[in-house]
Amino acid sequence: MRFASVILSAAVMVVVAGCSAHVDTRFVPTDELESEASAALEKEYGRAPDAMDCPDELPVRVGAEVRCVLTDGDERYGLTITLTEKRGNGKNGFSIAVDEDPLDAGS
């Protein structure tokens, strides 16, 4: 079963307790966002998307959001990663909401 077909049912919310941000860092780097989002989706659906692209870093501020794109086969979906909890130990809580509909081919 393709990953994209699993997420079509509704926007998906996954809580990720990973993604570290150093105390002196004001943003979660894009490579960490991509890695943690892929790992969370793999845990939820049994496999990771083919690719994940988060063009912007996530501010370490509760409620901050960043838009990313996951690729699965020849389909691409937008997703939003939101910082839900800022913890003192450098680990933060996140939610990941995958768009219900795939992106247009030109997006």
C-alpha atoms as a PDB file:
ATOM      1  CA  MET A   1       0.000   0.000   0.000  1.00  0.00           C
ATOM      2  CA  ARG A   2       1.330   3.424  -0.887  1.00  0.00           C
ATOM      3  CA  PHE A   3       1.965   5.883   1.927  1.00  0.00           C
ATOM      4  CA  ALA A   4      -0.085   8.631   0.282  1.00  0.00           C
ATOM      5  CA  SER A   5      -3.201   6.492   0.109  1.00  0.00           C
ATOM      6  CA  VAL A   6      -3.088   5.999   3.865  1.00  0.00           C
ATOM      7  CA  ILE A   7      -3.041   9.712   4.652  1.00  0.00           C
ATOM      8  CA  LEU A   8      -5.893  10.656   2.345  1.00  0.00           C
ATOM      9  CA  SER A   9      -8.553   9.840   4.923  1.00  0.00           C
ATOM     10  CA  ALA A  10      -8.025  13.028   6.950  1.00  0.00           C
ATOM     11  CA  ALA A  11      -5.453  15.446   8.189  1.00  0.00           C
ATOM     12  CA  VAL A  12      -3.058  13.482  10.345  1.00  0.00           C
ATOM     13  CA  MET A  13      -1.910  14.628  13.741  1.00  0.00           C
ATOM     14  CA  VAL A  14       1.197  13.032  15.180  1.00  0.00           C
ATOM     15  CA  VAL A  15       2.863  14.174  18.366  1.00  0.00           C
ATOM     16  CA  VAL A  16       6.626  14.037  18.187  1.00  0.00           C
ATOM     17  CA  ALA A  17       8.580  14.339  21.380  1.00  0.00           C
ATOM     18  CA  GLY A  18      11.893  14.387  19.561  1.00  0.00           C
ATOM     19  CA  CYS A  19      13.611  17.131  17.615  1.00  0.00           C
ATOM     20  CA  SER A  20      16.155  18.723  19.835  1.00  0.00           C
ATOM     21  CA  ALA A  21      17.078  22.350  19.742  1.00  0.00           C
ATOM     22  CA  HIS A  22      20.099  23.573  21.636  1.00  0.00           C
ATOM     23  CA  VAL A  23      19.349  25.970  24.469  1.00  0.00           C
ATOM     24  CA  ASP A  24      21.155  28.793  22.677  1.00  0.00           C
ATOM     25  CA  THR A  25      19.403  28.018  19.390  1.00  0.00           C
ATOM     26  CA  ARG A  26      16.290  29.933  18.493  1.00  0.00           C
ATOM     27  CA  PHE A  27      15.304  27.647  15.596  1.00  0.00           C
ATOM     28  CA  VAL A  28      14.998  23.913  14.969  1.00  0.00           C
ATOM     29  CA  PRO A  29      17.152  23.262  11.869  1.00  0.00           C
ATOM     30  CA  THR A  30      15.437  22.037   8.713  1.00  0.00           C
ATOM     31  CA  ASP A  31      17.394  18.768   8.633  1.00  0.00           C
ATOM     32  CA  GLU A  32      16.118  17.889  12.120  1.00  0.00           C
ATOM     33  CA  LEU A  33      12.540  18.765  11.166  1.00  0.00           C
ATOM     34  CA  GLU A  34      12.730  16.600   8.058  1.00  0.00           C
ATOM     35  CA  SER A  35      14.262  13.681   9.927  1.00  0.00           C
ATOM     36  CA  GLU A  36      11.838  13.802  12.858  1.00  0.00           C
ATOM     37  CA  ALA A  37       8.761  14.257  10.649  1.00  0.00           C
ATOM     38  CA  SER A  38       9.792  11.301   8.474  1.00  0.00           C
ATOM     39  CA  ALA A  39      10.423   9.159  11.564  1.00  0.00           C
ATOM     40  CA  ALA A  40       7.055  10.092  13.099  1.00  0.00           C
ATOM     41  CA  LEU A  41       5.195   9.283   9.884  1.00  0.00           C
ATOM     42  CA  GLU A  42       7.082   5.992   9.585  1.00  0.00           C
ATOM     43  CA  LYS A  43       6.097   5.108  13.139  1.00  0.00           C
ATOM     44  CA  GLU A  44       2.465   6.003  12.459  1.00  0.00           C
ATOM     45  CA  TYR A  45       2.134   4.332   9.022  1.00  0.00           C
ATOM     46  CA  GLY A  46       4.823   1.658   8.938  1.00  0.00           C
ATOM     47  CA  ARG A  47       7.064   3.416   6.432  1.00  0.00           C
ATOM     48  CA  ALA A  48       8.568   6.819   5.826  1.00  0.00           C
ATOM     49  CA  PRO A  49       7.746   9.001   2.837  1.00  0.00           C
ATOM     50  CA  ASP A  50      10.200   8.874  -0.089  1.00  0.00           C
ATOM     51  CA  ALA A  51      11.360  12.430   0.644  1.00  0.00           C
ATOM     52  CA  MET A  52      10.676  15.293   3.025  1.00  0.00           C
ATOM     53  CA  ASP A  53      11.498  18.950   2.340  1.00  0.00           C
ATOM     54  CA  CYS A  54      11.206  21.672   4.967  1.00  0.00           C
ATOM     55  CA  PRO A  55      12.580  24.859   3.402  1.00  0.00           C
ATOM     56  CA  ASP A  56      12.436  26.917   6.623  1.00  0.00           C
ATOM     57  CA  GLU A  57      13.654  26.405  10.173  1.00  0.00           C
ATOM     58  CA  LEU A  58      11.040  26.249  12.952  1.00  0.00           C
ATOM     59  CA  PRO A  59      11.226  29.013  15.582  1.00  0.00           C
ATOM     60  CA  VAL A  60      11.467  27.571  19.094  1.00  0.00           C
ATOM     61  CA  ARG A  61       8.252  29.250  20.229  1.00  0.00           C
ATOM     62  CA  VAL A  62       5.070  27.421  21.216  1.00  0.00           C
ATOM     63  CA  GLY A  63       2.559  27.799  18.403  1.00  0.00           C
ATOM     64  CA  ALA A  64       5.200  28.457  15.728  1.00  0.00           C
ATOM     65  CA  GLU A  65       4.554  26.632  12.449  1.00  0.00           C
ATOM     66  CA  VAL A  66       6.489  25.691   9.357  1.00  0.00           C
ATOM     67  CA  ARG A  67       5.203  24.251   6.071  1.00  0.00           C
ATOM     68  CA  CYS A  68       6.942  21.261   4.517  1.00  0.00           C
ATOM     69  CA  VAL A  69       6.334  18.928   1.583  1.00  0.00           C
ATOM     70  CA  LEU A  70       6.501  15.144   1.621  1.00  0.00           C
ATOM     71  CA  THR A  71       6.943  13.095  -1.528  1.00  0.00           C
ATOM     72  CA  ASP A  72       5.575   9.601  -1.913  1.00  0.00           C
ATOM     73  CA  GLY A  73       6.010   8.082  -5.342  1.00  0.00           C
ATOM     74  CA  ASP A  74       4.777  10.671  -7.799  1.00  0.00           C
ATOM     75  CA  GLU A  75       2.505  12.437  -5.297  1.00  0.00           C
ATOM     76  CA  ARG A  76       3.410  15.357  -3.050  1.00  0.00           C
ATOM     77  CA  TYR A  77       1.561  16.512   0.065  1.00  0.00           C
ATOM     78  CA  GLY A  78       1.921  19.656   2.114  1.00  0.00           C
ATOM     79  CA  LEU A  79       2.222  19.349   5.849  1.00  0.00           C
ATOM     80  CA  THR A  80       2.421  21.696   8.787  1.00  0.00           C
ATOM     81  CA  ILE A  81       4.721  21.138  11.753  1.00  0.00           C
ATOM     82  CA  THR A  82       3.710  23.080  14.874  1.00  0.00           C
ATOM     83  CA  LEU A  83       5.753  23.454  18.063  1.00  0.00           C
ATOM     84  CA  THR A  84       3.332  22.405  20.810  1.00  0.00           C
ATOM     85  CA  GLU A  85       5.634  22.240  23.809  1.00  0.00           C
ATOM     86  CA  LYS A  86       8.969  23.816  24.685  1.00  0.00           C
ATOM     87  CA  ARG A  87      10.820  21.717  27.234  1.00  0.00           C
ATOM     88  CA  GLY A  88      13.806  22.713  29.302  1.00  0.00           C
ATOM     89  CA  ASN A  89      15.749  19.563  28.387  1.00  0.00           C
ATOM     90  CA  GLY A  90      16.217  20.650  24.763  1.00  0.00           C
ATOM     91  CA  LYS A  91      13.512  18.275  23.524  1.00  0.00           C
ATOM     92  CA  ASN A  92      10.351  19.842  22.188  1.00  0.00           C
ATOM     93  CA  GLY A  93       6.860  18.590  21.423  1.00  0.00           C
ATOM     94  CA  PHE A  94       5.525  18.876  17.884  1.00  0.00           C
ATOM     95  CA  SER A  95       2.367  18.114  15.986  1.00  0.00           C
ATOM     96  CA  ILE A  96       2.411  17.204  12.315  1.00  0.00           C
ATOM     97  CA  ALA A  97      -0.682  17.753  10.176  1.00  0.00           C
ATOM     98  CA  VAL A  98      -0.559  16.289   6.664  1.00  0.00           C
ATOM     99  CA  ASP A  99      -2.839  17.938   4.102  1.00  0.00           C
ATOM    100  CA  GLU A 100      -5.748  15.810   3.001  1.00  0.00           C
ATOM    101  CA  ASP A 101      -5.308  16.509  -0.717  1.00  0.00           C
ATOM    102  CA  PRO A 102      -2.113  16.174  -2.779  1.00  0.00           C
ATOM    103  CA  LEU A 103      -0.422  19.278  -4.142  1.00  0.00           C
ATOM    104  CA  ASP A 104      -0.961  20.261  -7.765  1.00  0.00           C
ATOM    105  CA  ALA A 105       1.804  19.133 -10.102  1.00  0.00           C
ATOM    106  CA  GLY A 106       3.133  22.686 -10.466  1.00  0.00           C
ATOM    107  CA  SER A 107       3.274  23.455  -6.721  1.00  0.00           C
END
